[in-house]
Amino acid sequence: MNSNPAILVVDDEPDLLDNIGMALEYEEFNILAARNGVEALVTLESQPVDLILADVAMPDMNGYQLYERVRQNPNWGAIPFIFLTARKMDSDIRYGKELGVDDYLTNPISAADLLAVVRGKIRRSQQLIEAAAVLTAQTVREQRHTTFGPLEIDADYHQVWLNGQEIKLSAREFTLVVSQTC
């Protein structure tokens, strides 16, 4: 987990915003606050965020609309998104889950339960980021080591083999071969 993950808390109730923020700040999370979905989008444009915790019922842009806007942006698509709301009707919960939200919590909630969910979602997000980095590195490595019939090229080590025998090439020759094949 990052040393101080940033959590965007979105709620139109100032007291709830303060209480949630204090509970999370006490656990050394960096808190960014927004009073509605529109303010949240502005914050997302200007600050890196590790998790979004949002109410559903808000003016200007509700939580469902915010969630959809966040997921439309490829830069924000992997940010864990949790609804924390007083809307407890089965239809509300079901709708949030059908949207694909990472969790749907209802108030009142204990600080311990909220922290457990937040820590778990951030930890899982970090695991996914690390796994994606490993896969990307493997893919890049595989792409940089290519075979074309009897010709094999390792772009990282500037080596070329033809029928299993290494060919010594100048830097210019190597660049020409790679540019023509990779």
N, C-alpha and C. Protein backbone atom coordinates (compact mmCIF):
# COMPACT_ATOMS: atom_id res chain seq x y z
N MET A 1 0.85 -1.18 0.00
CA MET A 1 0.00 0.00 0.00
C MET A 1 0.89 1.24 0.00
N ASN A 2 0.51 2.25 -0.76
CA ASN A 2 1.26 3.49 -0.76
C ASN A 2 1.35 4.04 0.65
N SER A 3 2.35 4.89 0.92
CA SER A 3 2.51 5.41 2.28
C SER A 3 1.31 6.23 2.71
N ASN A 4 0.80 7.08 1.86
CA ASN A 4 -0.37 7.88 2.21
C ASN A 4 -1.33 7.97 1.03
N PRO A 5 -2.14 6.94 0.81
CA PRO A 5 -3.08 6.98 -0.31
C PRO A 5 -4.06 8.15 -0.20
N ALA A 6 -4.43 8.68 -1.34
CA ALA A 6 -5.38 9.79 -1.40
C ALA A 6 -6.79 9.24 -1.64
N ILE A 7 -7.70 9.67 -0.79
CA ILE A 7 -9.10 9.25 -0.91
C ILE A 7 -9.95 10.48 -1.18
N LEU A 8 -10.73 10.39 -2.25
CA LEU A 8 -11.67 11.45 -2.58
C LEU A 8 -13.01 11.09 -1.94
N VAL A 9 -13.44 11.91 -0.99
CA VAL A 9 -14.72 11.70 -0.31
C VAL A 9 -15.71 12.70 -0.89
N VAL A 10 -16.84 12.18 -1.40
CA VAL A 10 -17.82 13.02 -2.08
C VAL A 10 -19.16 12.90 -1.36
N ASP A 11 -19.59 13.98 -0.73
CA ASP A 11 -20.86 13.97 0.01
C ASP A 11 -21.34 15.40 0.16
N ASP A 12 -22.64 15.63 0.01
CA ASP A 12 -23.18 16.98 0.14
C ASP A 12 -23.51 17.35 1.58
N GLU A 13 -23.39 16.43 2.51
CA GLU A 13 -23.63 16.70 3.92
C GLU A 13 -22.31 17.07 4.60
N PRO A 14 -22.12 18.33 4.97
CA PRO A 14 -20.84 18.75 5.56
C PRO A 14 -20.42 17.95 6.79
N ASP A 15 -21.38 17.61 7.66
CA ASP A 15 -21.03 16.85 8.86
C ASP A 15 -20.52 15.46 8.52
N LEU A 16 -21.18 14.79 7.59
CA LEU A 16 -20.72 13.47 7.17
C LEU A 16 -19.35 13.56 6.50
N LEU A 17 -19.18 14.56 5.67
CA LEU A 17 -17.91 14.77 4.99
C LEU A 17 -16.79 14.95 6.01
N ASP A 18 -17.05 15.76 7.04
CA ASP A 18 -16.06 15.99 8.10
C ASP A 18 -15.78 14.72 8.90
N ASN A 19 -16.84 14.02 9.29
CA ASN A 19 -16.66 12.82 10.12
C ASN A 19 -15.90 11.72 9.38
N ILE A 20 -16.28 11.50 8.14
CA ILE A 20 -15.59 10.48 7.34
C ILE A 20 -14.14 10.90 7.13
N GLY A 21 -13.95 12.16 6.79
CA GLY A 21 -12.60 12.67 6.58
C GLY A 21 -11.72 12.54 7.80
N MET A 22 -12.27 12.86 8.97
CA MET A 22 -11.48 12.75 10.21
C MET A 22 -11.10 11.30 10.51
N ALA A 23 -12.05 10.40 10.33
CA ALA A 23 -11.76 8.98 10.59
C ALA A 23 -10.66 8.47 9.67
N LEU A 24 -10.69 8.88 8.42
CA LEU A 24 -9.68 8.43 7.46
C LEU A 24 -8.34 9.14 7.66
N GLU A 25 -8.39 10.43 7.97
CA GLU A 25 -7.16 11.17 8.24
C GLU A 25 -6.44 10.62 9.47
N TYR A 26 -7.21 10.19 10.46
CA TYR A 26 -6.62 9.61 11.67
C TYR A 26 -5.79 8.39 11.31
N GLU A 27 -6.18 7.70 10.27
CA GLU A 27 -5.44 6.52 9.80
C GLU A 27 -4.40 6.89 8.76
N GLU A 28 -4.13 8.20 8.64
CA GLU A 28 -3.07 8.75 7.79
C GLU A 28 -3.34 8.65 6.29
N PHE A 29 -4.62 8.65 5.91
CA PHE A 29 -4.96 8.78 4.50
C PHE A 29 -5.01 10.27 4.18
N ASN A 30 -4.65 10.62 2.95
CA ASN A 30 -4.81 11.99 2.49
C ASN A 30 -6.24 12.13 1.98
N ILE A 31 -6.96 13.11 2.50
CA ILE A 31 -8.37 13.27 2.17
C ILE A 31 -8.56 14.46 1.25
N LEU A 32 -9.28 14.21 0.16
CA LEU A 32 -9.74 15.26 -0.74
C LEU A 32 -11.26 15.25 -0.64
N ALA A 33 -11.86 16.40 -0.51
CA ALA A 33 -13.31 16.47 -0.30
C ALA A 33 -14.00 17.19 -1.45
N ALA A 34 -15.19 16.69 -1.78
CA ALA A 34 -16.03 17.34 -2.79
C ALA A 34 -17.47 17.23 -2.32
N ARG A 35 -18.28 18.26 -2.60
CA ARG A 35 -19.68 18.29 -2.14
C ARG A 35 -20.66 17.70 -3.14
N ASN A 36 -20.17 17.39 -4.34
CA ASN A 36 -21.04 16.77 -5.35
C ASN A 36 -20.17 16.18 -6.45
N GLY A 37 -20.82 15.53 -7.41
CA GLY A 37 -20.09 14.88 -8.48
C GLY A 37 -19.31 15.84 -9.36
N VAL A 38 -19.85 17.02 -9.59
CA VAL A 38 -19.17 18.00 -10.42
C VAL A 38 -17.85 18.41 -9.77
N GLU A 39 -17.87 18.72 -8.47
CA GLU A 39 -16.64 19.07 -7.76
C GLU A 39 -15.66 17.89 -7.75
N ALA A 40 -16.19 16.70 -7.64
CA ALA A 40 -15.34 15.51 -7.63
C ALA A 40 -14.58 15.39 -8.95
N LEU A 41 -15.26 15.62 -10.07
CA LEU A 41 -14.60 15.54 -11.38
C LEU A 41 -13.50 16.58 -11.51
N VAL A 42 -13.74 17.77 -10.99
CA VAL A 42 -12.72 18.82 -11.01
C VAL A 42 -11.50 18.36 -10.21
N THR A 43 -11.74 17.77 -9.05
CA THR A 43 -10.64 17.28 -8.22
C THR A 43 -9.87 16.17 -8.94
N LEU A 44 -10.60 15.25 -9.56
CA LEU A 44 -9.95 14.16 -10.27
C LEU A 44 -9.06 14.66 -11.41
N GLU A 45 -9.46 15.75 -12.04
CA GLU A 45 -8.67 16.33 -13.13
C GLU A 45 -7.34 16.89 -12.63
N SER A 46 -7.31 17.31 -11.37
CA SER A 46 -6.12 18.01 -10.89
C SER A 46 -5.29 17.24 -9.87
N GLN A 47 -5.81 16.16 -9.32
CA GLN A 47 -5.08 15.46 -8.25
C GLN A 47 -5.14 13.95 -8.47
N PRO A 48 -4.05 13.25 -8.16
CA PRO A 48 -4.12 11.79 -8.22
C PRO A 48 -4.94 11.26 -7.04
N VAL A 49 -5.78 10.26 -7.31
CA VAL A 49 -6.67 9.71 -6.30
C VAL A 49 -6.52 8.19 -6.29
N ASP A 50 -6.45 7.60 -5.10
CA ASP A 50 -6.31 6.15 -4.97
C ASP A 50 -7.63 5.44 -4.72
N LEU A 51 -8.65 6.17 -4.26
CA LEU A 51 -9.95 5.57 -3.99
C LEU A 51 -10.99 6.68 -3.94
N ILE A 52 -12.20 6.37 -4.39
CA ILE A 52 -13.31 7.32 -4.33
C ILE A 52 -14.39 6.73 -3.42
N LEU A 53 -14.83 7.53 -2.48
CA LEU A 53 -15.88 7.16 -1.54
C LEU A 53 -16.98 8.20 -1.73
N ALA A 54 -18.14 7.79 -2.28
CA ALA A 54 -19.15 8.77 -2.67
C ALA A 54 -20.54 8.41 -2.17
N ASP A 55 -21.29 9.46 -1.84
CA ASP A 55 -22.70 9.33 -1.54
C ASP A 55 -23.44 9.11 -2.87
N VAL A 56 -24.67 8.66 -2.79
CA VAL A 56 -25.48 8.49 -4.00
C VAL A 56 -26.31 9.74 -4.24
N ALA A 57 -27.06 10.19 -3.22
CA ALA A 57 -27.99 11.30 -3.38
C ALA A 57 -27.27 12.63 -3.13
N MET A 58 -26.96 13.33 -4.24
CA MET A 58 -26.29 14.63 -4.15
C MET A 58 -26.85 15.54 -5.23
N PRO A 59 -26.76 16.86 -5.02
CA PRO A 59 -27.22 17.79 -6.05
C PRO A 59 -26.24 17.87 -7.21
N ASP A 60 -26.69 18.41 -8.32
CA ASP A 60 -25.90 18.67 -9.53
C ASP A 60 -25.50 17.40 -10.28
N MET A 61 -24.91 16.45 -9.60
CA MET A 61 -24.55 15.17 -10.21
C MET A 61 -24.56 14.13 -9.10
N ASN A 62 -25.46 13.16 -9.20
CA ASN A 62 -25.55 12.17 -8.12
C ASN A 62 -24.41 11.15 -8.23
N GLY A 63 -24.33 10.27 -7.25
CA GLY A 63 -23.25 9.30 -7.19
C GLY A 63 -23.23 8.33 -8.36
N TYR A 64 -24.41 7.92 -8.82
CA TYR A 64 -24.47 7.01 -9.97
C TYR A 64 -23.89 7.69 -11.21
N GLN A 65 -24.27 8.94 -11.43
CA GLN A 65 -23.76 9.69 -12.58
C GLN A 65 -22.25 9.90 -12.45
N LEU A 66 -21.79 10.20 -11.25
CA LEU A 66 -20.35 10.36 -11.02
C LEU A 66 -19.62 9.07 -11.35
N TYR A 67 -20.15 7.96 -10.87
CA TYR A 67 -19.52 6.67 -11.13
C TYR A 67 -19.39 6.42 -12.63
N GLU A 68 -20.46 6.67 -13.37
CA GLU A 68 -20.42 6.46 -14.82
C GLU A 68 -19.40 7.36 -15.51
N ARG A 69 -19.30 8.61 -15.07
CA ARG A 69 -18.33 9.54 -15.65
C ARG A 69 -16.90 9.11 -15.33
N VAL A 70 -16.69 8.65 -14.11
CA VAL A 70 -15.35 8.18 -13.72
C VAL A 70 -14.95 6.99 -14.58
N ARG A 71 -15.86 6.05 -14.77
CA ARG A 71 -15.52 4.84 -15.52
C ARG A 71 -15.36 5.11 -17.02
N GLN A 72 -15.88 6.22 -17.51
CA GLN A 72 -15.71 6.58 -18.92
C GLN A 72 -14.31 7.09 -19.22
N ASN A 73 -13.62 7.56 -18.20
CA ASN A 73 -12.29 8.12 -18.39
C ASN A 73 -11.25 7.02 -18.17
N PRO A 74 -10.47 6.68 -19.19
CA PRO A 74 -9.50 5.59 -19.04
C PRO A 74 -8.45 5.85 -17.97
N ASN A 75 -8.20 7.11 -17.64
CA ASN A 75 -7.22 7.42 -16.58
C ASN A 75 -7.76 7.13 -15.19
N TRP A 76 -9.07 7.05 -15.06
CA TRP A 76 -9.68 6.84 -13.75
C TRP A 76 -10.34 5.49 -13.60
N GLY A 77 -10.39 4.72 -14.66
CA GLY A 77 -11.15 3.48 -14.67
C GLY A 77 -10.75 2.46 -13.62
N ALA A 78 -9.50 2.48 -13.20
CA ALA A 78 -9.04 1.49 -12.23
C ALA A 78 -9.13 1.98 -10.78
N ILE A 79 -9.57 3.20 -10.57
CA ILE A 79 -9.68 3.71 -9.20
C ILE A 79 -10.83 2.99 -8.50
N PRO A 80 -10.57 2.36 -7.35
CA PRO A 80 -11.67 1.74 -6.61
C PRO A 80 -12.73 2.78 -6.25
N PHE A 81 -13.98 2.41 -6.43
CA PHE A 81 -15.11 3.32 -6.21
C PHE A 81 -16.09 2.65 -5.26
N ILE A 82 -16.37 3.32 -4.14
CA ILE A 82 -17.27 2.78 -3.12
C ILE A 82 -18.39 3.78 -2.89
N PHE A 83 -19.63 3.27 -2.88
CA PHE A 83 -20.75 4.11 -2.45
C PHE A 83 -20.88 3.97 -0.95
N LEU A 84 -21.03 5.10 -0.26
CA LEU A 84 -21.34 5.14 1.16
C LEU A 84 -22.54 6.06 1.28
N THR A 85 -23.70 5.47 1.55
CA THR A 85 -24.94 6.22 1.43
C THR A 85 -25.98 5.76 2.44
N ALA A 86 -26.98 6.59 2.64
CA ALA A 86 -28.11 6.21 3.49
C ALA A 86 -29.18 5.48 2.68
N ARG A 87 -29.01 5.41 1.37
CA ARG A 87 -29.98 4.74 0.50
C ARG A 87 -29.83 3.23 0.65
N LYS A 88 -30.78 2.64 1.39
CA LYS A 88 -30.69 1.23 1.76
C LYS A 88 -31.68 0.33 1.04
N MET A 89 -32.49 0.91 0.16
CA MET A 89 -33.47 0.09 -0.54
C MET A 89 -32.75 -0.94 -1.41
N ASP A 90 -33.31 -2.13 -1.46
CA ASP A 90 -32.70 -3.19 -2.25
C ASP A 90 -32.48 -2.75 -3.70
N SER A 91 -33.43 -2.00 -4.24
CA SER A 91 -33.29 -1.56 -5.63
C SER A 91 -32.11 -0.61 -5.81
N ASP A 92 -31.83 0.25 -4.82
CA ASP A 92 -30.68 1.15 -4.89
C ASP A 92 -29.38 0.36 -4.84
N ILE A 93 -29.31 -0.55 -3.89
CA ILE A 93 -28.11 -1.37 -3.73
C ILE A 93 -27.87 -2.20 -4.99
N ARG A 94 -28.92 -2.82 -5.49
CA ARG A 94 -28.82 -3.65 -6.68
C ARG A 94 -28.35 -2.81 -7.88
N TYR A 95 -28.91 -1.62 -8.03
CA TYR A 95 -28.54 -0.75 -9.15
C TYR A 95 -27.05 -0.39 -9.06
N GLY A 96 -26.61 -0.02 -7.88
CA GLY A 96 -25.19 0.32 -7.70
C GLY A 96 -24.29 -0.85 -8.04
N LYS A 97 -24.67 -2.03 -7.60
CA LYS A 97 -23.86 -3.21 -7.89
C LYS A 97 -23.89 -3.56 -9.37
N GLU A 98 -25.05 -3.37 -10.02
CA GLU A 98 -25.14 -3.64 -11.45
C GLU A 98 -24.27 -2.68 -12.26
N LEU A 99 -24.10 -1.46 -11.76
CA LEU A 99 -23.22 -0.51 -12.43
C LEU A 99 -21.78 -1.02 -12.41
N GLY A 100 -21.44 -1.78 -11.36
CA GLY A 100 -20.08 -2.31 -11.25
C GLY A 100 -19.27 -1.68 -10.14
N VAL A 101 -19.92 -0.94 -9.25
CA VAL A 101 -19.21 -0.29 -8.16
C VAL A 101 -18.45 -1.34 -7.34
N ASP A 102 -17.32 -0.95 -6.80
CA ASP A 102 -16.48 -1.89 -6.06
C ASP A 102 -17.10 -2.31 -4.73
N ASP A 103 -17.88 -1.44 -4.12
CA ASP A 103 -18.61 -1.80 -2.90
C ASP A 103 -19.73 -0.81 -2.69
N TYR A 104 -20.75 -1.25 -1.98
CA TYR A 104 -21.92 -0.41 -1.68
C TYR A 104 -22.16 -0.54 -0.19
N LEU A 105 -21.81 0.50 0.56
CA LEU A 105 -21.96 0.52 2.02
C LEU A 105 -23.09 1.46 2.40
N THR A 106 -23.78 1.12 3.49
CA THR A 106 -24.87 1.98 3.93
C THR A 106 -24.58 2.54 5.32
N ASN A 107 -25.03 3.77 5.51
CA ASN A 107 -24.91 4.44 6.80
C ASN A 107 -26.05 3.98 7.71
N PRO A 108 -25.86 3.92 8.98
CA PRO A 108 -24.60 4.19 9.67
C PRO A 108 -23.63 3.01 9.53
N ILE A 109 -22.35 3.33 9.54
CA ILE A 109 -21.30 2.31 9.46
C ILE A 109 -20.24 2.66 10.49
N SER A 110 -19.68 1.64 11.09
CA SER A 110 -18.64 1.90 12.09
C SER A 110 -17.36 2.31 11.37
N ALA A 111 -16.55 3.09 12.06
CA ALA A 111 -15.28 3.52 11.48
C ALA A 111 -14.40 2.31 11.18
N ALA A 112 -14.44 1.30 12.04
CA ALA A 112 -13.63 0.09 11.83
C ALA A 112 -14.04 -0.63 10.55
N ASP A 113 -15.34 -0.74 10.31
CA ASP A 113 -15.80 -1.41 9.09
C ASP A 113 -15.44 -0.60 7.85
N LEU A 114 -15.61 0.71 7.92
CA LEU A 114 -15.26 1.57 6.80
C LEU A 114 -13.76 1.45 6.49
N LEU A 115 -12.94 1.51 7.52
CA LEU A 115 -11.49 1.41 7.33
C LEU A 115 -11.08 0.06 6.74
N ALA A 116 -11.75 -1.01 7.17
CA ALA A 116 -11.44 -2.34 6.64
C ALA A 116 -11.72 -2.39 5.14
N VAL A 117 -12.85 -1.84 4.73
CA VAL A 117 -13.19 -1.84 3.30
C VAL A 117 -12.21 -0.97 2.52
N VAL A 118 -11.93 0.21 3.02
CA VAL A 118 -11.02 1.13 2.32
C VAL A 118 -9.63 0.51 2.19
N ARG A 119 -9.10 -0.02 3.27
CA ARG A 119 -7.77 -0.65 3.22
C ARG A 119 -7.76 -1.83 2.24
N GLY A 120 -8.81 -2.65 2.31
CA GLY A 120 -8.88 -3.81 1.42
C GLY A 120 -8.94 -3.42 -0.05
N LYS A 121 -9.73 -2.41 -0.37
CA LYS A 121 -9.85 -1.97 -1.77
C LYS A 121 -8.55 -1.35 -2.27
N ILE A 122 -7.89 -0.58 -1.44
CA ILE A 122 -6.63 0.03 -1.84
C ILE A 122 -5.56 -1.05 -2.00
N ARG A 123 -5.53 -2.00 -1.08
CA ARG A 123 -4.56 -3.10 -1.19
C ARG A 123 -4.79 -3.88 -2.48
N ARG A 124 -6.04 -4.20 -2.78
CA ARG A 124 -6.35 -4.96 -4.00
C ARG A 124 -5.99 -4.15 -5.25
N SER A 125 -6.24 -2.87 -5.22
CA SER A 125 -5.89 -2.00 -6.34
C SER A 125 -4.38 -2.02 -6.57
N GLN A 126 -3.60 -1.94 -5.49
CA GLN A 126 -2.14 -1.98 -5.61
C GLN A 126 -1.68 -3.32 -6.18
N GLN A 127 -2.31 -4.41 -5.76
CA GLN A 127 -1.97 -5.73 -6.29
C GLN A 127 -2.23 -5.79 -7.79
N LEU A 128 -3.36 -5.25 -8.23
CA LEU A 128 -3.69 -5.25 -9.65
C LEU A 128 -2.72 -4.38 -10.45
N ILE A 129 -2.33 -3.25 -9.89
CA ILE A 129 -1.37 -2.37 -10.56
C ILE A 129 -0.03 -3.08 -10.70
N GLU A 130 0.42 -3.75 -9.64
CA GLU A 130 1.68 -4.47 -9.69
C GLU A 130 1.62 -5.63 -10.69
N ALA A 131 0.51 -6.36 -10.71
CA ALA A 131 0.36 -7.46 -11.65
C ALA A 131 0.36 -6.94 -13.09
N ALA A 132 -0.31 -5.83 -13.32
CA ALA A 132 -0.34 -5.24 -14.66
C ALA A 132 1.06 -4.80 -15.08
N ALA A 133 1.84 -4.27 -14.15
CA ALA A 133 3.21 -3.85 -14.47
C ALA A 133 4.07 -5.04 -14.85
N VAL A 134 3.91 -6.15 -14.15
CA VAL A 134 4.67 -7.36 -14.48
C VAL A 134 4.27 -7.86 -15.86
N LEU A 135 2.97 -7.92 -16.14
CA LEU A 135 2.51 -8.38 -17.45
C LEU A 135 2.99 -7.46 -18.56
N THR A 136 2.96 -6.17 -18.30
CA THR A 136 3.42 -5.21 -19.30
C THR A 136 4.91 -5.40 -19.57
N ALA A 137 5.69 -5.57 -18.51
CA ALA A 137 7.13 -5.79 -18.69
C ALA A 137 7.39 -7.08 -19.47
N GLN A 138 6.63 -8.12 -19.17
CA GLN A 138 6.79 -9.38 -19.91
C GLN A 138 6.42 -9.20 -21.37
N THR A 139 5.34 -8.50 -21.62
CA THR A 139 4.90 -8.27 -23.00
C THR A 139 5.92 -7.46 -23.76
N VAL A 140 6.45 -6.41 -23.13
CA VAL A 140 7.47 -5.58 -23.78
C VAL A 140 8.70 -6.43 -24.07
N ARG A 141 9.08 -7.25 -23.10
CA ARG A 141 10.25 -8.12 -23.29
C ARG A 141 10.00 -9.08 -24.45
N GLU A 142 8.82 -9.68 -24.50
CA GLU A 142 8.49 -10.59 -25.58
C GLU A 142 8.48 -9.88 -26.93
N GLN A 143 7.99 -8.65 -26.93
CA GLN A 143 7.94 -7.89 -28.18
C GLN A 143 9.34 -7.50 -28.63
N ARG A 144 10.25 -7.34 -27.69
CA ARG A 144 11.60 -6.91 -28.02
C ARG A 144 12.51 -8.10 -28.34
N HIS A 145 11.99 -9.31 -28.15
CA HIS A 145 12.71 -10.52 -28.55
C HIS A 145 11.81 -11.22 -29.56
N THR A 146 12.12 -11.01 -30.83
CA THR A 146 11.24 -11.50 -31.89
C THR A 146 11.96 -12.44 -32.83
N THR A 147 11.15 -13.27 -33.45
CA THR A 147 11.67 -14.23 -34.41
C THR A 147 10.92 -14.06 -35.73
N PHE A 148 11.68 -13.99 -36.80
CA PHE A 148 11.13 -13.91 -38.15
C PHE A 148 11.77 -15.03 -38.95
N GLY A 149 11.09 -16.15 -39.02
CA GLY A 149 11.66 -17.30 -39.72
C GLY A 149 12.99 -17.67 -39.09
N PRO A 150 14.07 -17.66 -39.87
CA PRO A 150 15.38 -18.04 -39.32
C PRO A 150 16.08 -16.89 -38.59
N LEU A 151 15.49 -15.71 -38.61
CA LEU A 151 16.09 -14.53 -37.99
C LEU A 151 15.51 -14.32 -36.60
N GLU A 152 16.38 -14.16 -35.61
CA GLU A 152 15.96 -13.92 -34.22
C GLU A 152 16.64 -12.64 -33.75
N ILE A 153 15.84 -11.74 -33.13
CA ILE A 153 16.36 -10.44 -32.71
C ILE A 153 16.03 -10.22 -31.24
N ASP A 154 17.05 -9.82 -30.48
CA ASP A 154 16.85 -9.42 -29.09
C ASP A 154 17.20 -7.93 -29.02
N ALA A 155 16.17 -7.09 -29.04
CA ALA A 155 16.37 -5.64 -29.09
C ALA A 155 16.99 -5.10 -27.81
N ASP A 156 16.76 -5.75 -26.68
CA ASP A 156 17.33 -5.27 -25.41
C ASP A 156 18.84 -5.45 -25.36
N TYR A 157 19.32 -6.55 -25.90
CA TYR A 157 20.75 -6.86 -25.83
C TYR A 157 21.48 -6.61 -27.16
N HIS A 158 20.76 -6.07 -28.11
CA HIS A 158 21.34 -5.73 -29.41
C HIS A 158 22.05 -6.94 -30.03
N GLN A 159 21.30 -8.05 -30.04
CA GLN A 159 21.83 -9.27 -30.62
C GLN A 159 20.91 -9.76 -31.73
N VAL A 160 21.55 -10.37 -32.75
CA VAL A 160 20.80 -10.93 -33.87
C VAL A 160 21.39 -12.30 -34.18
N TRP A 161 20.52 -13.28 -34.44
CA TRP A 161 20.94 -14.62 -34.81
C TRP A 161 20.26 -14.99 -36.12
N LEU A 162 20.97 -15.68 -36.95
CA LEU A 162 20.42 -16.22 -38.18
C LEU A 162 20.69 -17.72 -38.16
N ASN A 163 19.61 -18.48 -38.21
CA ASN A 163 19.71 -19.95 -38.11
C ASN A 163 20.51 -20.38 -36.87
N GLY A 164 20.30 -19.65 -35.75
CA GLY A 164 20.94 -20.01 -34.49
C GLY A 164 22.35 -19.51 -34.31
N GLN A 165 22.92 -18.88 -35.31
CA GLN A 165 24.28 -18.36 -35.24
C GLN A 165 24.22 -16.85 -35.07
N GLU A 166 24.91 -16.34 -34.04
CA GLU A 166 24.91 -14.90 -33.80
C GLU A 166 25.62 -14.17 -34.94
N ILE A 167 25.00 -13.06 -35.34
CA ILE A 167 25.57 -12.20 -36.37
C ILE A 167 26.03 -10.92 -35.68
N LYS A 168 27.27 -10.55 -35.89
CA LYS A 168 27.79 -9.30 -35.32
C LYS A 168 27.42 -8.15 -36.26
N LEU A 169 26.67 -7.19 -35.70
CA LEU A 169 26.24 -6.04 -36.49
C LEU A 169 26.71 -4.76 -35.83
N SER A 170 26.99 -3.75 -36.65
CA SER A 170 27.28 -2.43 -36.10
C SER A 170 25.99 -1.85 -35.54
N ALA A 171 26.10 -0.79 -34.79
CA ALA A 171 24.92 -0.15 -34.22
C ALA A 171 23.97 0.30 -35.33
N ARG A 172 24.52 0.83 -36.40
CA ARG A 172 23.70 1.31 -37.50
C ARG A 172 23.00 0.14 -38.20
N GLU A 173 23.74 -0.96 -38.42
CA GLU A 173 23.15 -2.13 -39.05
C GLU A 173 22.05 -2.72 -38.17
N PHE A 174 22.33 -2.78 -36.85
CA PHE A 174 21.33 -3.32 -35.92
C PHE A 174 20.07 -2.46 -35.95
N THR A 175 20.22 -1.16 -35.90
CA THR A 175 19.08 -0.25 -35.94
C THR A 175 18.28 -0.44 -37.22
N LEU A 176 18.95 -0.62 -38.31
CA LEU A 176 18.28 -0.83 -39.59
C LEU A 176 17.49 -2.14 -39.58
N VAL A 177 18.09 -3.22 -39.07
CA VAL A 177 17.40 -4.51 -39.00
C VAL A 177 16.17 -4.41 -38.11
N VAL A 178 16.32 -3.82 -36.93
CA VAL A 178 15.22 -3.70 -35.98
C VAL A 178 14.10 -2.84 -36.56
N SER A 179 14.45 -1.73 -37.18
CA SER A 179 13.43 -0.84 -37.73
C SER A 179 12.65 -1.51 -38.87
N GLN A 180 13.27 -2.44 -39.56
CA GLN A 180 12.63 -3.12 -40.67
C GLN A 180 11.80 -4.34 -40.23
N THR A 181 12.08 -4.85 -39.03
CA THR A 181 11.41 -6.09 -38.60
C THR A 181 10.51 -5.92 -37.38
N CYS A 182 10.84 -5.05 -36.46
CA CYS A 182 10.07 -4.96 -35.21
C CYS A 182 8.97 -3.95 -35.27
